[in-house]
Amino acid sequence: MSGHVAFLGGPGSAEAGGYTDPPMHEACAEAALTLCPHIARQHARRASERRVPEGTTVPAGFAEAKPEEWVMVLTAGYRTGLVPAEGGGVVPIFLPAEYVRKRRFGYEGGVLVERVDS
């Protein structure tokens, strides 16, 4: 990817500087905000357990709760690493370089809108 890459997650990911989902183009992250039902709809449920492949794991300390706010960070680069997984083993994680820009999105009346800092 050329230019800046975007990472999309909850405030905890932005604060910790680690993401389980890979980087995207900014336009693709914007599309995810409207096309992914889990993100776009405040009360959308996660996929049922039967749709989750056996052996799927998450990083230790992963927050299952859906965030009230989504944060898109843009950066010029990133590294990858491995972190402990719940139940043992390791999972990959993406570690963005210094943030160039942050965009915040929250639910208003069940609809996701960009929050502009004043």
PDB file of N, CA and C in Angstrom:
ATOM      1  N   MET A   1       0.842  -1.181   0.000  1.00  0.00           N
ATOM      2  CA  MET A   1       0.000   0.000   0.000  1.00  0.00           C
ATOM      3  C   MET A   1       0.883   1.237   0.000  1.00  0.00           C
ATOM      4  N   SER A   2       0.523   2.200  -0.799  1.00  0.00           N
ATOM      5  CA  SER A   2       1.281   3.445  -0.801  1.00  0.00           C
ATOM      6  C   SER A   2       0.522   4.493   0.005  1.00  0.00           C
ATOM      7  N   GLY A   3       1.237   5.512   0.451  1.00  0.00           N
ATOM      8  CA  GLY A   3       0.596   6.542   1.266  1.00  0.00           C
ATOM      9  C   GLY A   3       0.311   6.035   2.662  1.00  0.00           C
ATOM     10  N   HIS A   4      -0.703   6.608   3.289  1.00  0.00           N
ATOM     11  CA  HIS A   4      -1.062   6.212   4.648  1.00  0.00           C
ATOM     12  C   HIS A   4      -1.942   4.977   4.640  1.00  0.00           C
ATOM     13  N   VAL A   5      -1.845   4.198   5.708  1.00  0.00           N
ATOM     14  CA  VAL A   5      -2.731   3.052   5.896  1.00  0.00           C
ATOM     15  C   VAL A   5      -3.626   3.343   7.088  1.00  0.00           C
ATOM     16  N   ALA A   6      -4.803   2.737   7.075  1.00  0.00           N
ATOM     17  CA  ALA A   6      -5.788   2.957   8.129  1.00  0.00           C
ATOM     18  C   ALA A   6      -5.978   1.687   8.939  1.00  0.00           C
ATOM     19  N   PHE A   7      -6.190   1.870  10.230  1.00  0.00           N
ATOM     20  CA  PHE A   7      -6.577   0.788  11.132  1.00  0.00           C
ATOM     21  C   PHE A   7      -7.887   1.208  11.769  1.00  0.00           C
ATOM     22  N   LEU A   8      -8.791   0.253  11.941  1.00  0.00           N
ATOM     23  CA  LEU A   8     -10.105   0.548  12.480  1.00  0.00           C
ATOM     24  C   LEU A   8     -10.376  -0.363  13.666  1.00  0.00           C
ATOM     25  N   GLY A   9     -10.747   0.227  14.787  1.00  0.00           N
ATOM     26  CA  GLY A   9     -11.046  -0.551  15.990  1.00  0.00           C
ATOM     27  C   GLY A   9     -11.669   0.338  17.047  1.00  0.00           C
ATOM     28  N   GLY A  10     -11.783  -0.188  18.231  1.00  0.00           N
ATOM     29  CA  GLY A  10     -12.334   0.569  19.341  1.00  0.00           C
ATOM     30  C   GLY A  10     -11.289   1.481  19.956  1.00  0.00           C
ATOM     31  N   PRO A  11     -11.709   2.321  20.905  1.00  0.00           N
ATOM     32  CA  PRO A  11     -10.773   3.225  21.570  1.00  0.00           C
ATOM     33  C   PRO A  11      -9.624   2.486  22.253  1.00  0.00           C
ATOM     34  N   GLY A  12      -9.899   1.290  22.775  1.00  0.00           N
ATOM     35  CA  GLY A  12      -8.844   0.519  23.438  1.00  0.00           C
ATOM     36  C   GLY A  12      -7.716   0.156  22.496  1.00  0.00           C
ATOM     37  N   SER A  13      -8.060  -0.206  21.266  1.00  0.00           N
ATOM     38  CA  SER A  13      -7.029  -0.529  20.272  1.00  0.00           C
ATOM     39  C   SER A  13      -6.200   0.703  19.941  1.00  0.00           C
ATOM     40  N   ALA A  14      -6.875   1.841  19.773  1.00  0.00           N
ATOM     41  CA  ALA A  14      -6.166   3.079  19.446  1.00  0.00           C
ATOM     42  C   ALA A  14      -5.226   3.485  20.577  1.00  0.00           C
ATOM     43  N   GLU A  15      -5.681   3.328  21.823  1.00  0.00           N
ATOM     44  CA  GLU A  15      -4.850   3.694  22.974  1.00  0.00           C
ATOM     45  C   GLU A  15      -3.677   2.737  23.136  1.00  0.00           C
ATOM     46  N   ALA A  16      -3.928   1.435  22.950  1.00  0.00           N
ATOM     47  CA  ALA A  16      -2.876   0.434  23.127  1.00  0.00           C
ATOM     48  C   ALA A  16      -1.930   0.377  21.932  1.00  0.00           C
ATOM     49  N   GLY A  17      -2.410   0.820  20.765  1.00  0.00           N
ATOM     50  CA  GLY A  17      -1.568   0.795  19.575  1.00  0.00           C
ATOM     51  C   GLY A  17      -1.415  -0.586  18.975  1.00  0.00           C
ATOM     52  N   GLY A  18      -2.434  -1.446  19.138  1.00  0.00           N
ATOM     53  CA  GLY A  18      -2.385  -2.792  18.572  1.00  0.00           C
ATOM     54  C   GLY A  18      -3.730  -3.190  18.000  1.00  0.00           C
ATOM     55  N   TYR A  19      -3.719  -3.815  16.828  1.00  0.00           N
ATOM     56  CA  TYR A  19      -4.952  -4.192  16.130  1.00  0.00           C
ATOM     57  C   TYR A  19      -4.891  -5.642  15.686  1.00  0.00           C
ATOM     58  N   THR A  20      -6.022  -6.341  15.801  1.00  0.00           N
ATOM     59  CA  THR A  20      -6.098  -7.723  15.326  1.00  0.00           C
ATOM     60  C   THR A  20      -6.474  -7.778  13.851  1.00  0.00           C
ATOM     61  N   ASP A  21      -7.094  -6.727  13.331  1.00  0.00           N
ATOM     62  CA  ASP A  21      -7.449  -6.672  11.910  1.00  0.00           C
ATOM     63  C   ASP A  21      -6.342  -5.972  11.131  1.00  0.00           C
ATOM     64  N   PRO A  22      -6.095  -6.425   9.902  1.00  0.00           N
ATOM     65  CA  PRO A  22      -5.005  -5.841   9.108  1.00  0.00           C
ATOM     66  C   PRO A  22      -5.304  -4.418   8.654  1.00  0.00           C
ATOM     67  N   PRO A  23      -4.269  -3.715   8.162  1.00  0.00           N
ATOM     68  CA  PRO A  23      -4.455  -2.346   7.686  1.00  0.00           C
ATOM     69  C   PRO A  23      -5.274  -2.315   6.403  1.00  0.00           C
ATOM     70  N   MET A  24      -5.850  -1.141   6.130  1.00  0.00           N
ATOM     71  CA  MET A  24      -6.677  -0.927   4.939  1.00  0.00           C
ATOM     72  C   MET A  24      -6.324   0.419   4.323  1.00  0.00           C
ATOM     73  N   HIS A  25      -6.774   0.620   3.090  1.00  0.00           N
ATOM     74  CA  HIS A  25      -6.780   1.963   2.530  1.00  0.00           C
ATOM     75  C   HIS A  25      -7.825   2.756   3.317  1.00  0.00           C
ATOM     76  N   GLU A  26      -7.654   4.058   3.411  1.00  0.00           N
ATOM     77  CA  GLU A  26      -8.635   4.867   4.136  1.00  0.00           C
ATOM     78  C   GLU A  26     -10.031   4.709   3.533  1.00  0.00           C
ATOM     79  N   ALA A  27     -10.134   4.676   2.199  1.00  0.00           N
ATOM     80  CA  ALA A  27     -11.444   4.522   1.549  1.00  0.00           C
ATOM     81  C   ALA A  27     -12.080   3.177   1.894  1.00  0.00           C
ATOM     82  N   CYS A  28     -11.268   2.134   2.042  1.00  0.00           N
ATOM     83  CA  CYS A  28     -11.797   0.814   2.405  1.00  0.00           C
ATOM     84  C   CYS A  28     -12.291   0.814   3.852  1.00  0.00           C
ATOM     85  N   ALA A  29     -11.571   1.497   4.733  1.00  0.00           N
ATOM     86  CA  ALA A  29     -12.013   1.605   6.124  1.00  0.00           C
ATOM     87  C   ALA A  29     -13.322   2.392   6.198  1.00  0.00           C
ATOM     88  N   GLU A  30     -13.438   3.445   5.392  1.00  0.00           N
ATOM     89  CA  GLU A  30     -14.690   4.207   5.345  1.00  0.00           C
ATOM     90  C   GLU A  30     -15.832   3.315   4.860  1.00  0.00           C
ATOM     91  N   ALA A  31     -15.562   2.478   3.863  1.00  0.00           N
ATOM     92  CA  ALA A  31     -16.588   1.557   3.359  1.00  0.00           C
ATOM     93  C   ALA A  31     -16.992   0.564   4.439  1.00  0.00           C
ATOM     94  N   ALA A  32     -16.029   0.064   5.201  1.00  0.00           N
ATOM     95  CA  ALA A  32     -16.336  -0.884   6.278  1.00  0.00           C
ATOM     96  C   ALA A  32     -17.283  -0.270   7.308  1.00  0.00           C
ATOM     97  N   LEU A  33     -17.142   1.024   7.540  1.00  0.00           N
ATOM     98  CA  LEU A  33     -18.004   1.707   8.511  1.00  0.00           C
ATOM     99  C   LEU A  33     -19.471   1.690   8.099  1.00  0.00           C
ATOM    100  N   THR A  34     -19.737   1.596   6.813  1.00  0.00           N
ATOM    101  CA  THR A  34     -21.127   1.587   6.349  1.00  0.00           C
ATOM    102  C   THR A  34     -21.588   0.218   5.869  1.00  0.00           C
ATOM    103  N   LEU A  35     -20.673  -0.632   5.410  1.00  0.00           N
ATOM    104  CA  LEU A  35     -21.057  -1.918   4.823  1.00  0.00           C
ATOM    105  C   LEU A  35     -21.005  -3.098   5.788  1.00  0.00           C
ATOM    106  N   CYS A  36     -20.186  -3.021   6.809  1.00  0.00           N
ATOM    107  CA  CYS A  36     -20.091  -4.114   7.784  1.00  0.00           C
ATOM    108  C   CYS A  36     -21.238  -3.963   8.789  1.00  0.00           C
ATOM    109  N   PRO A  37     -22.181  -4.901   8.813  1.00  0.00           N
ATOM    110  CA  PRO A  37     -23.328  -4.766   9.726  1.00  0.00           C
ATOM    111  C   PRO A  37     -22.914  -4.632  11.192  1.00  0.00           C
ATOM    112  N   HIS A  38     -21.859  -5.347  11.609  1.00  0.00           N
ATOM    113  CA  HIS A  38     -21.424  -5.287  13.005  1.00  0.00           C
ATOM    114  C   HIS A  38     -21.000  -3.867  13.390  1.00  0.00           C
ATOM    115  N   ILE A  39     -20.380  -3.163  12.466  1.00  0.00           N
ATOM    116  CA  ILE A  39     -19.927  -1.801  12.749  1.00  0.00           C
ATOM    117  C   ILE A  39     -21.044  -0.789  12.501  1.00  0.00           C
ATOM    118  N   ALA A  40     -21.691  -0.884  11.352  1.00  0.00           N
ATOM    119  CA  ALA A  40     -22.656   0.138  10.927  1.00  0.00           C
ATOM    120  C   ALA A  40     -23.904   0.199  11.793  1.00  0.00           C
ATOM    121  N   ARG A  41     -24.345  -0.946  12.299  1.00  0.00           N
ATOM    122  CA  ARG A  41     -25.588  -0.977  13.088  1.00  0.00           C
ATOM    123  C   ARG A  41     -25.265  -1.140  14.566  1.00  0.00           C
ATOM    124  N   GLN A  42     -25.718  -0.217  15.353  1.00  0.00           N
ATOM    125  CA  GLN A  42     -25.398  -0.207  16.783  1.00  0.00           C
ATOM    126  C   GLN A  42     -25.815  -1.494  17.480  1.00  0.00           C
ATOM    127  N   HIS A  43     -26.947  -2.050  17.117  1.00  0.00           N
ATOM    128  CA  HIS A  43     -27.453  -3.218  17.832  1.00  0.00           C
ATOM    129  C   HIS A  43     -27.291  -4.521  17.058  1.00  0.00           C
ATOM    130  N   ALA A  44     -26.478  -4.524  16.005  1.00  0.00           N
ATOM    131  CA  ALA A  44     -26.222  -5.760  15.261  1.00  0.00           C
ATOM    132  C   ALA A  44     -25.458  -6.734  16.155  1.00  0.00           C
ATOM    133  N   ARG A  45     -25.843  -7.999  16.072  1.00  0.00           N
ATOM    134  CA  ARG A  45     -25.179  -9.024  16.881  1.00  0.00           C
ATOM    135  C   ARG A  45     -23.986  -9.587  16.121  1.00  0.00           C
ATOM    136  N   ARG A  46     -23.090 -10.190  16.875  1.00  0.00           N
ATOM    137  CA  ARG A  46     -21.962 -10.900  16.271  1.00  0.00           C
ATOM    138  C   ARG A  46     -22.468 -12.175  15.609  1.00  0.00           C
ATOM    139  N   ALA A  47     -21.632 -12.766  14.787  1.00  0.00           N
ATOM    140  CA  ALA A  47     -21.964 -14.050  14.165  1.00  0.00           C
ATOM    141  C   ALA A  47     -22.189 -15.092  15.257  1.00  0.00           C
ATOM    142  N   SER A  48     -23.086 -16.020  14.999  1.00  0.00           N
ATOM    143  CA  SER A  48     -23.364 -17.064  15.984  1.00  0.00           C
ATOM    144  C   SER A  48     -22.141 -17.968  16.140  1.00  0.00           C
ATOM    145  N   GLU A  49     -22.082 -18.658  17.267  1.00  0.00           N
ATOM    146  CA  GLU A  49     -20.956 -19.554  17.558  1.00  0.00           C
ATOM    147  C   GLU A  49     -20.769 -20.602  16.463  1.00  0.00           C
ATOM    148  N   ARG A  50     -21.869 -21.058  15.849  1.00  0.00           N
ATOM    149  CA  ARG A  50     -21.746 -22.105  14.831  1.00  0.00           C
ATOM    150  C   ARG A  50     -21.023 -21.609  13.577  1.00  0.00           C
ATOM    151  N   ARG A  51     -20.943 -20.295  13.382  1.00  0.00           N
ATOM    152  CA  ARG A  51     -20.246 -19.739  12.216  1.00  0.00           C
ATOM    153  C   ARG A  51     -18.778 -19.451  12.487  1.00  0.00           C
ATOM    154  N   VAL A  52     -18.349 -19.613  13.731  1.00  0.00           N
ATOM    155  CA  VAL A  52     -16.957 -19.355  14.092  1.00  0.00           C
ATOM    156  C   VAL A  52     -16.177 -20.661  13.947  1.00  0.00           C
ATOM    157  N   PRO A  53     -15.131 -20.675  13.122  1.00  0.00           N
ATOM    158  CA  PRO A  53     -14.372 -21.911  12.928  1.00  0.00           C
ATOM    159  C   PRO A  53     -13.780 -22.438  14.235  1.00  0.00           C
ATOM    160  N   GLU A  54     -13.753 -23.753  14.361  1.00  0.00           N
ATOM    161  CA  GLU A  54     -13.170 -24.381  15.542  1.00  0.00           C
ATOM    162  C   GLU A  54     -11.702 -23.975  15.646  1.00  0.00           C
ATOM    163  N   GLY A  55     -11.264 -23.717  16.857  1.00  0.00           N
ATOM    164  CA  GLY A  55      -9.877 -23.338  17.084  1.00  0.00           C
ATOM    165  C   GLY A  55      -9.612 -21.842  16.964  1.00  0.00           C
ATOM    166  N   THR A  56     -10.643 -21.059  16.660  1.00  0.00           N
ATOM    167  CA  THR A  56     -10.469 -19.608  16.574  1.00  0.00           C
ATOM    168  C   THR A  56     -10.124 -19.072  17.956  1.00  0.00           C
ATOM    169  N   THR A  57      -9.162 -18.189  18.009  1.00  0.00           N
ATOM    170  CA  THR A  57      -8.765 -17.617  19.293  1.00  0.00           C
ATOM    171  C   THR A  57      -8.546 -16.116  19.140  1.00  0.00           C
ATOM    172  N   VAL A  58      -8.451 -15.447  20.251  1.00  0.00           N
ATOM    173  CA  VAL A  58      -8.256 -13.998  20.279  1.00  0.00           C
ATOM    174  C   VAL A  58      -7.120 -13.684  21.241  1.00  0.00           C
ATOM    175  N   PRO A  59      -6.554 -12.471  21.140  1.00  0.00           N
ATOM    176  CA  PRO A  59      -5.503 -12.100  22.081  1.00  0.00           C
ATOM    177  C   PRO A  59      -6.012 -12.107  23.522  1.00  0.00           C
ATOM    178  N   ALA A  60      -5.145 -12.459  24.446  1.00  0.00           N
ATOM    179  CA  ALA A  60      -5.488 -12.391  25.865  1.00  0.00           C
ATOM    180  C   ALA A  60      -5.907 -10.958  26.184  1.00  0.00           C
ATOM    181  N   GLY A  61      -7.018 -10.802  26.897  1.00  0.00           N
ATOM    182  CA  GLY A  61      -7.519  -9.483  27.253  1.00  0.00           C
ATOM    183  C   GLY A  61      -8.391  -8.839  26.192  1.00  0.00           C
ATOM    184  N   PHE A  62      -8.678  -9.552  25.101  1.00  0.00           N
ATOM    185  CA  PHE A  62      -9.523  -9.037  24.017  1.00  0.00           C
ATOM    186  C   PHE A  62     -10.897  -8.690  24.567  1.00  0.00           C
ATOM    187  N   ALA A  63     -11.412  -7.517  24.217  1.00  0.00           N
ATOM    188  CA  ALA A  63     -12.734  -7.081  24.681  1.00  0.00           C
ATOM    189  C   ALA A  63     -13.796  -7.586  23.713  1.00  0.00           C
ATOM    190  N   GLU A  64     -14.662  -8.468  24.176  1.00  0.00           N
ATOM    191  CA  GLU A  64     -15.737  -9.008  23.342  1.00  0.00           C
ATOM    192  C   GLU A  64     -16.844  -7.989  23.113  1.00  0.00           C
ATOM    193  N   ALA A  65     -17.005  -7.075  24.054  1.00  0.00           N
ATOM    194  CA  ALA A  65     -18.090  -6.092  23.954  1.00  0.00           C
ATOM    195  C   ALA A  65     -17.856  -5.165  22.762  1.00  0.00           C
ATOM    196  N   LYS A  66     -18.928  -4.854  22.071  1.00  0.00           N
ATOM    197  CA  LYS A  66     -18.854  -3.938  20.932  1.00  0.00           C
ATOM    198  C   LYS A  66     -18.589  -2.529  21.458  1.00  0.00           C
ATOM    199  N   PRO A  67     -17.640  -1.811  20.858  1.00  0.00           N
ATOM    200  CA  PRO A  67     -17.368  -0.458  21.356  1.00  0.00           C
ATOM    201  C   PRO A  67     -18.497   0.514  21.026  1.00  0.00           C
ATOM    202  N   GLU A  68     -18.664   1.502  21.869  1.00  0.00           N
ATOM    203  CA  GLU A  68     -19.639   2.566  21.612  1.00  0.00           C
ATOM    204  C   GLU A  68     -19.086   3.555  20.593  1.00  0.00           C
ATOM    205  N   GLU A  69     -17.780   3.517  20.409  1.00  0.00           N
ATOM    206  CA  GLU A  69     -17.116   4.423  19.481  1.00  0.00           C
ATOM    207  C   GLU A  69     -16.090   3.624  18.684  1.00  0.00           C
ATOM    208  N   TRP A  70     -15.929   3.955  17.411  1.00  0.00           N
ATOM    209  CA  TRP A  70     -14.913   3.354  16.553  1.00  0.00           C
ATOM    210  C   TRP A  70     -13.884   4.423  16.237  1.00  0.00           C
ATOM    211  N   VAL A  71     -12.618   4.033  16.230  1.00  0.00           N
ATOM    212  CA  VAL A  71     -11.541   4.977  15.962  1.00  0.00           C
ATOM    213  C   VAL A  71     -10.756   4.480  14.749  1.00  0.00           C
ATOM    214  N   MET A  72     -10.624   5.350  13.757  1.00  0.00           N
ATOM    215  CA  MET A  72      -9.792   5.053  12.597  1.00  0.00           C
ATOM    216  C   MET A  72      -8.500   5.840  12.773  1.00  0.00           C
ATOM    217  N   VAL A  73      -7.379   5.143  12.765  1.00  0.00           N
ATOM    218  CA  VAL A  73      -6.096   5.832  12.844  1.00  0.00           C
ATOM    219  C   VAL A  73      -5.389   5.671  11.508  1.00  0.00           C
ATOM    220  N   LEU A  74      -4.703   6.717  11.102  1.00  0.00           N
ATOM    221  CA  LEU A  74      -3.931   6.682   9.863  1.00  0.00           C
ATOM    222  C   LEU A  74      -2.465   6.846  10.206  1.00  0.00           C
ATOM    223  N   THR A  75      -1.645   6.058   9.529  1.00  0.00           N
ATOM    224  CA  THR A  75      -0.230   6.015   9.830  1.00  0.00           C
ATOM    225  C   THR A  75       0.554   5.748   8.549  1.00  0.00           C
ATOM    226  N   ALA A  76       1.831   6.064   8.577  1.00  0.00           N
ATOM    227  CA  ALA A  76       2.675   5.851   7.400  1.00  0.00           C
ATOM    228  C   ALA A  76       3.210   4.426   7.330  1.00  0.00           C
ATOM    229  N   GLY A  77       3.039   3.646   8.378  1.00  0.00           N
ATOM    230  CA  GLY A  77       3.562   2.282   8.360  1.00  0.00           C
ATOM    231  C   GLY A  77       3.140   1.501   9.588  1.00  0.00           C
ATOM    232  N   TYR A  78       3.597   0.253   9.652  1.00  0.00           N
ATOM    233  CA  TYR A  78       3.258  -0.615  10.780  1.00  0.00           C
ATOM    234  C   TYR A  78       4.231  -1.784  10.841  1.00  0.00           C
ATOM    235  N   ARG A  79       4.245  -2.431  11.981  1.00  0.00           N
ATOM    236  CA  ARG A  79       4.996  -3.672  12.187  1.00  0.00           C
ATOM    237  C   ARG A  79       3.992  -4.756  12.526  1.00  0.00           C
ATOM    238  N   THR A  80       4.432  -5.977  12.527  1.00  0.00           N
ATOM    239  CA  THR A  80       3.598  -7.076  13.002  1.00  0.00           C
ATOM    240  C   THR A  80       4.308  -7.732  14.172  1.00  0.00           C
ATOM    241  N   GLY A  81       3.539  -8.391  15.000  1.00  0.00           N
ATOM    242  CA  GLY A  81       4.105  -9.090  16.139  1.00  0.00           C
ATOM    243  C   GLY A  81       3.195 -10.229  16.548  1.00  0.00           C
ATOM    244  N   LEU A  82       3.593 -10.928  17.575  1.00  0.00           N
ATOM    245  CA  LEU A  82       2.799 -12.011  18.146  1.00  0.00           C
ATOM    246  C   LEU A  82       2.534 -11.692  19.604  1.00  0.00           C
ATOM    247  N   VAL A  83       1.309 -11.938  20.044  1.00  0.00           N
ATOM    248  CA  VAL A  83       0.936 -11.716  21.438  1.00  0.00           C
ATOM    249  C   VAL A  83       0.280 -12.984  21.971  1.00  0.00           C
ATOM    250  N   PRO A  84       0.296 -13.175  23.299  1.00  0.00           N
ATOM    251  CA  PRO A  84      -0.350 -14.363  23.873  1.00  0.00           C
ATOM    252  C   PRO A  84      -1.838 -14.410  23.532  1.00  0.00           C
ATOM    253  N   ALA A  85      -2.323 -15.621  23.287  1.00  0.00           N
ATOM    254  CA  ALA A  85      -3.738 -15.836  22.982  1.00  0.00           C
ATOM    255  C   ALA A  85      -4.451 -16.373  24.205  1.00  0.00           C
ATOM    256  N   GLU A  86      -5.766 -16.103  24.281  1.00  0.00           N
ATOM    257  CA  GLU A  86      -6.562 -16.702  25.348  1.00  0.00           C
ATOM    258  C   GLU A  86      -6.506 -18.207  25.180  1.00  0.00           C
ATOM    259  N   GLY A  87      -6.259 -18.913  26.252  1.00  0.00           N
ATOM    260  CA  GLY A  87      -6.195 -20.368  26.187  1.00  0.00           C
ATOM    261  C   GLY A  87      -4.847 -20.909  25.757  1.00  0.00           C
ATOM    262  N   GLY A  88      -3.867 -20.048  25.561  1.00  0.00           N
ATOM    263  CA  GLY A  88      -2.533 -20.501  25.179  1.00  0.00           C
ATOM    264  C   GLY A  88      -2.225 -20.226  23.724  1.00  0.00           C
ATOM    265  N   GLY A  89      -0.975 -20.330  23.390  1.00  0.00           N
ATOM    266  CA  GLY A  89      -0.534 -20.048  22.033  1.00  0.00           C
ATOM    267  C   GLY A  89      -0.344 -18.559  21.815  1.00  0.00           C
ATOM    268  N   VAL A  90      -0.229 -18.187  20.563  1.00  0.00           N
ATOM    269  CA  VAL A  90      -0.040 -16.781  20.200  1.00  0.00           C
ATOM    270  C   VAL A  90      -0.931 -16.440  19.006  1.00  0.00           C
ATOM    271  N   VAL A  91      -1.197 -15.160  18.833  1.00  0.00           N
ATOM    272  CA  VAL A  91      -1.943 -14.660  17.676  1.00  0.00           C
ATOM    273  C   VAL A  91      -1.195 -13.458  17.104  1.00  0.00           C
ATOM    274  N   PRO A  92      -1.329 -13.226  15.795  1.00  0.00           N
ATOM    275  CA  PRO A  92      -0.662 -12.061  15.197  1.00  0.00           C
ATOM    276  C   PRO A  92      -1.372 -10.769  15.577  1.00  0.00           C
ATOM    277  N   ILE A  93      -0.601  -9.706  15.610  1.00  0.00           N
ATOM    278  CA  ILE A  93      -1.149  -8.381  15.898  1.00  0.00           C
ATOM    279  C   ILE A  93      -0.431  -7.373  15.005  1.00  0.00           C
ATOM    280  N   PHE A  94      -1.133  -6.323  14.646  1.00  0.00           N
ATOM    281  CA  PHE A  94      -0.582  -5.257  13.817  1.00  0.00           C
ATOM    282  C   PHE A  94      -0.310  -4.052  14.705  1.00  0.00           C
ATOM    283  N   LEU A  95       0.888  -3.497  14.581  1.00  0.00           N
ATOM    284  CA  LEU A  95       1.343  -2.404  15.444  1.00  0.00           C
ATOM    285  C   LEU A  95       1.636  -1.169  14.592  1.00  0.00           C
ATOM    286  N   PRO A  96       0.685  -0.248  14.517  1.00  0.00           N
ATOM    287  CA  PRO A  96       0.877   0.949  13.686  1.00  0.00           C
ATOM    288  C   PRO A  96       2.036   1.812  14.175  1.00  0.00           C
ATOM    289  N   ALA A  97       2.690   2.477  13.208  1.00  0.00           N
ATOM    290  CA  ALA A  97       3.694   3.484  13.541  1.00  0.00           C
ATOM    291  C   ALA A  97       2.952   4.690  14.128  1.00  0.00           C
ATOM    292  N   GLU A  98       3.675   5.757  14.374  1.00  0.00           N
ATOM    293  CA  GLU A  98       3.063   6.962  14.952  1.00  0.00           C
ATOM    294  C   GLU A  98       1.851   7.397  14.125  1.00  0.00           C
ATOM    295  N   TYR A  99       0.785   7.744  14.827  1.00  0.00           N
ATOM    296  CA  TYR A  99      -0.445   8.151  14.150  1.00  0.00           C
ATOM    297  C   TYR A  99      -0.269   9.505  13.475  1.00  0.00           C
ATOM    298  N   VAL A 100      -0.704   9.583  12.226  1.00  0.00           N
ATOM    299  CA  VAL A 100      -0.694  10.830  11.475  1.00  0.00           C
ATOM    300  C   VAL A 100      -2.001  11.578  11.724  1.00  0.00           C
ATOM    301  N   ARG A 101      -3.082  10.796  11.843  1.00  0.00           N
ATOM    302  CA  ARG A 101      -4.410  11.385  12.030  1.00  0.00           C
ATOM    303  C   ARG A 101      -5.308  10.361  12.700  1.00  0.00           C
ATOM    304  N   LYS A 102      -6.297  10.858  13.450  1.00  0.00           N
ATOM    305  CA  LYS A 102      -7.304  10.010  14.101  1.00  0.00           C
ATOM    306  C   LYS A 102      -8.679  10.527  13.728  1.00  0.00           C
ATOM    307  N   ARG A 103      -9.579   9.592  13.405  1.00  0.00           N
ATOM    308  CA  ARG A 103     -10.978   9.949  13.145  1.00  0.00           C
ATOM    309  C   ARG A 103     -11.843   9.111  14.075  1.00  0.00           C
ATOM    310  N   ARG A 104     -12.853   9.739  14.666  1.00  0.00           N
ATOM    311  CA  ARG A 104     -13.729   9.044  15.616  1.00  0.00           C
ATOM    312  C   ARG A 104     -15.150   8.979  15.071  1.00  0.00           C
ATOM    313  N   PHE A 105     -15.799   7.839  15.330  1.00  0.00           N
ATOM    314  CA  PHE A 105     -17.160   7.606  14.863  1.00  0.00           C
ATOM    315  C   PHE A 105     -17.968   7.042  16.020  1.00  0.00           C
ATOM    316  N   GLY A 106     -19.162   7.572  16.218  1.00  0.00           N
ATOM    317  CA  GLY A 106     -20.014   7.095  17.298  1.00  0.00           C
ATOM    318  C   GLY A 106     -21.453   6.970  16.829  1.00  0.00           C
ATOM    319  N   TYR A 107     -22.251   6.306  17.641  1.00  0.00           N
ATOM    320  CA  TYR A 107     -23.654   6.079  17.299  1.00  0.00           C
ATOM    321  C   TYR A 107     -24.523   7.214  17.834  1.00  0.00           C
ATOM    322  N   GLU A 108     -25.350   7.748  16.964  1.00  0.00           N
ATOM    323  CA  GLU A 108     -26.348   8.748  17.350  1.00  0.00           C
ATOM    324  C   GLU A 108     -27.678   8.267  16.805  1.00  0.00           C
ATOM    325  N   GLY A 109     -28.586   7.923  17.701  1.00  0.00           N
ATOM    326  CA  GLY A 109     -29.872   7.385  17.277  1.00  0.00           C
ATOM    327  C   GLY A 109     -29.724   6.070  16.542  1.00  0.00           C
ATOM    328  N   GLY A 110     -28.704   5.283  16.909  1.00  0.00           N
ATOM    329  CA  GLY A 110     -28.469   3.988  16.287  1.00  0.00           C
ATOM    330  C   GLY A 110     -27.697   4.048  14.986  1.00  0.00           C
ATOM    331  N   VAL A 111     -27.380   5.266  14.524  1.00  0.00           N
ATOM    332  CA  VAL A 111     -26.673   5.451  13.258  1.00  0.00           C
ATOM    333  C   VAL A 111     -25.239   5.886  13.544  1.00  0.00           C
ATOM    334  N   LEU A 112     -24.287   5.331  12.820  1.00  0.00           N
ATOM    335  CA  LEU A 112     -22.883   5.672  13.006  1.00  0.00           C
ATOM    336  C   LEU A 112     -22.557   6.967  12.266  1.00  0.00           C
ATOM    337  N   VAL A 113     -22.017   7.943  12.993  1.00  0.00           N
ATOM    338  CA  VAL A 113     -21.655   9.236  12.400  1.00  0.00           C
ATOM    339  C   VAL A 113     -20.249   9.619  12.851  1.00  0.00           C
ATOM    340  N   GLU A 114     -19.572  10.392  12.014  1.00  0.00           N
ATOM    341  CA  GLU A 114     -18.237  10.852  12.384  1.00  0.00           C
ATOM    342  C   GLU A 114     -18.361  11.968  13.405  1.00  0.00           C
ATOM    343  N   ARG A 115     -17.551  11.889  14.431  1.00  0.00           N
ATOM    344  CA  ARG A 115     -17.532  12.914  15.480  1.00  0.00           C
ATOM    345  C   ARG A 115     -16.405  13.880  15.176  1.00  0.00           C
ATOM    346  N   VAL A 116     -16.750  15.140  15.104  1.00  0.00           N
ATOM    347  CA  VAL A 116     -15.768  16.175  14.812  1.00  0.00           C
ATOM    348  C   VAL A 116     -15.439  16.876  16.117  1.00  0.00           C
ATOM    349  N   ASP A 117     -14.144  16.899  16.460  1.00  0.00           N
ATOM    350  CA  ASP A 117     -13.717  17.587  17.684  1.00  0.00           C
ATOM    351  C   ASP A 117     -13.870  19.085  17.500  1.00  0.00           C
ATOM    352  N   SER A 118     -14.320  19.734  18.569  1.00  0.00           N
ATOM    353  CA  SER A 118     -14.466  21.198  18.483  1.00  0.00           C
ATOM    354  C   SER A 118     -13.374  21.887  19.240  1.00  0.00           C
TER     355      SER A 118
END
